[in-house]
Amino acid sequence: MSDYSEKFDATGLNCPLPILRSKKVLSTMNSGDVLFVIATDAGSVKDFDSFCKQTGNELIESSESGNQYHYYIKKA
């Protein structure tokens, strides 16, 4: 997926910072907008899945590329 409204680079950040900072970016976005997040923390896979379930945001896609994790989150 390459269509997104905002991009957040969380590389080098460890739990819980990727989630907390992504939440802050999402708070500035409109409903239906898509946030693209790049992270390097392996724990972020489970964290973003749980975060989206708890907040009602939609985890459209998640993938791994080398040592990076990519997430596309649609704001509720």
Protein backbone atom coordinates (compact mmCIF):
# COMPACT_ATOMS: atom_id res chain seq x y z
CA MET A 1 0.00 0.00 0.00
CA SER A 2 1.37 3.40 -0.86
CA ASP A 3 -1.59 5.71 -0.29
CA TYR A 4 -1.47 7.44 3.10
CA SER A 5 -2.20 10.83 4.64
CA GLU A 6 0.66 11.05 7.17
CA LYS A 7 3.95 9.25 7.76
CA PHE A 8 5.65 8.67 11.10
CA ASP A 9 9.19 7.30 11.34
CA ALA A 10 9.59 5.47 14.64
CA THR A 11 12.88 3.78 13.75
CA GLY A 12 15.17 3.46 16.74
CA LEU A 13 12.35 3.96 19.25
CA ASN A 14 11.54 1.18 21.71
CA CYS A 15 8.26 0.25 23.35
CA PRO A 16 6.11 2.11 24.23
CA LEU A 17 7.32 5.13 22.22
CA PRO A 18 6.24 3.95 18.73
CA ILE A 19 2.65 3.57 19.98
CA LEU A 20 2.60 6.74 22.07
CA ARG A 21 4.00 8.94 19.32
CA SER A 22 1.77 7.35 16.67
CA LYS A 23 -1.23 8.01 18.91
CA LYS A 24 -0.20 11.67 19.08
CA VAL A 25 0.04 11.91 15.27
CA LEU A 26 -3.33 10.17 14.87
CA SER A 27 -4.93 12.71 17.21
CA THR A 28 -4.17 15.45 14.65
CA MET A 29 -5.65 13.50 11.74
CA ASN A 30 -9.21 13.29 10.40
CA SER A 31 -11.39 10.21 10.54
CA GLY A 32 -10.65 7.99 7.54
CA ASP A 33 -7.08 9.27 7.12
CA VAL A 34 -4.29 6.69 6.95
CA LEU A 35 -1.09 6.85 8.98
CA PHE A 36 1.99 5.02 7.68
CA VAL A 37 4.37 4.02 10.48
CA ILE A 38 7.91 2.65 10.13
CA ALA A 39 9.30 0.97 13.25
CA THR A 40 12.31 -1.17 14.17
CA ASP A 41 11.06 -2.53 17.50
CA ALA A 42 10.02 -6.19 17.02
CA GLY A 43 7.53 -5.80 19.86
CA SER A 44 5.65 -3.22 17.84
CA VAL A 45 3.93 -5.99 15.83
CA LYS A 46 1.85 -7.10 18.80
CA ASP A 47 1.63 -3.55 20.18
CA PHE A 48 0.08 -2.00 17.06
CA ASP A 49 -2.39 -4.87 16.70
CA SER A 50 -3.55 -4.42 20.31
CA PHE A 51 -3.54 -0.62 20.02
CA CYS A 52 -5.84 -0.67 17.00
CA LYS A 53 -8.25 -3.14 18.60
CA GLN A 54 -8.44 -1.03 21.76
CA THR A 55 -8.87 2.32 20.04
CA GLY A 56 -11.16 1.32 17.16
CA ASN A 57 -8.62 2.36 14.54
CA GLU A 58 -8.15 -0.10 11.68
CA LEU A 59 -4.81 -1.80 11.07
CA ILE A 60 -5.15 -1.99 7.29
CA GLU A 61 -1.80 -3.62 6.65
CA SER A 62 1.35 -4.63 8.48
CA SER A 63 4.51 -6.04 6.96
CA GLU A 64 8.15 -6.69 7.71
CA SER A 65 11.02 -5.67 5.47
CA GLY A 66 14.46 -6.56 6.77
CA ASN A 67 14.63 -5.13 10.27
CA GLN A 68 11.78 -2.67 9.68
CA TYR A 69 8.09 -3.06 10.38
CA HIS A 70 5.54 -1.11 8.35
CA TYR A 71 2.00 -0.32 9.49
CA TYR A 72 -0.92 1.37 7.79
CA ILE A 73 -3.49 2.56 10.31
CA LYS A 74 -6.83 4.05 9.30
CA LYS A 75 -8.13 6.50 11.88
CA ALA A 76 -11.58 5.69 13.22
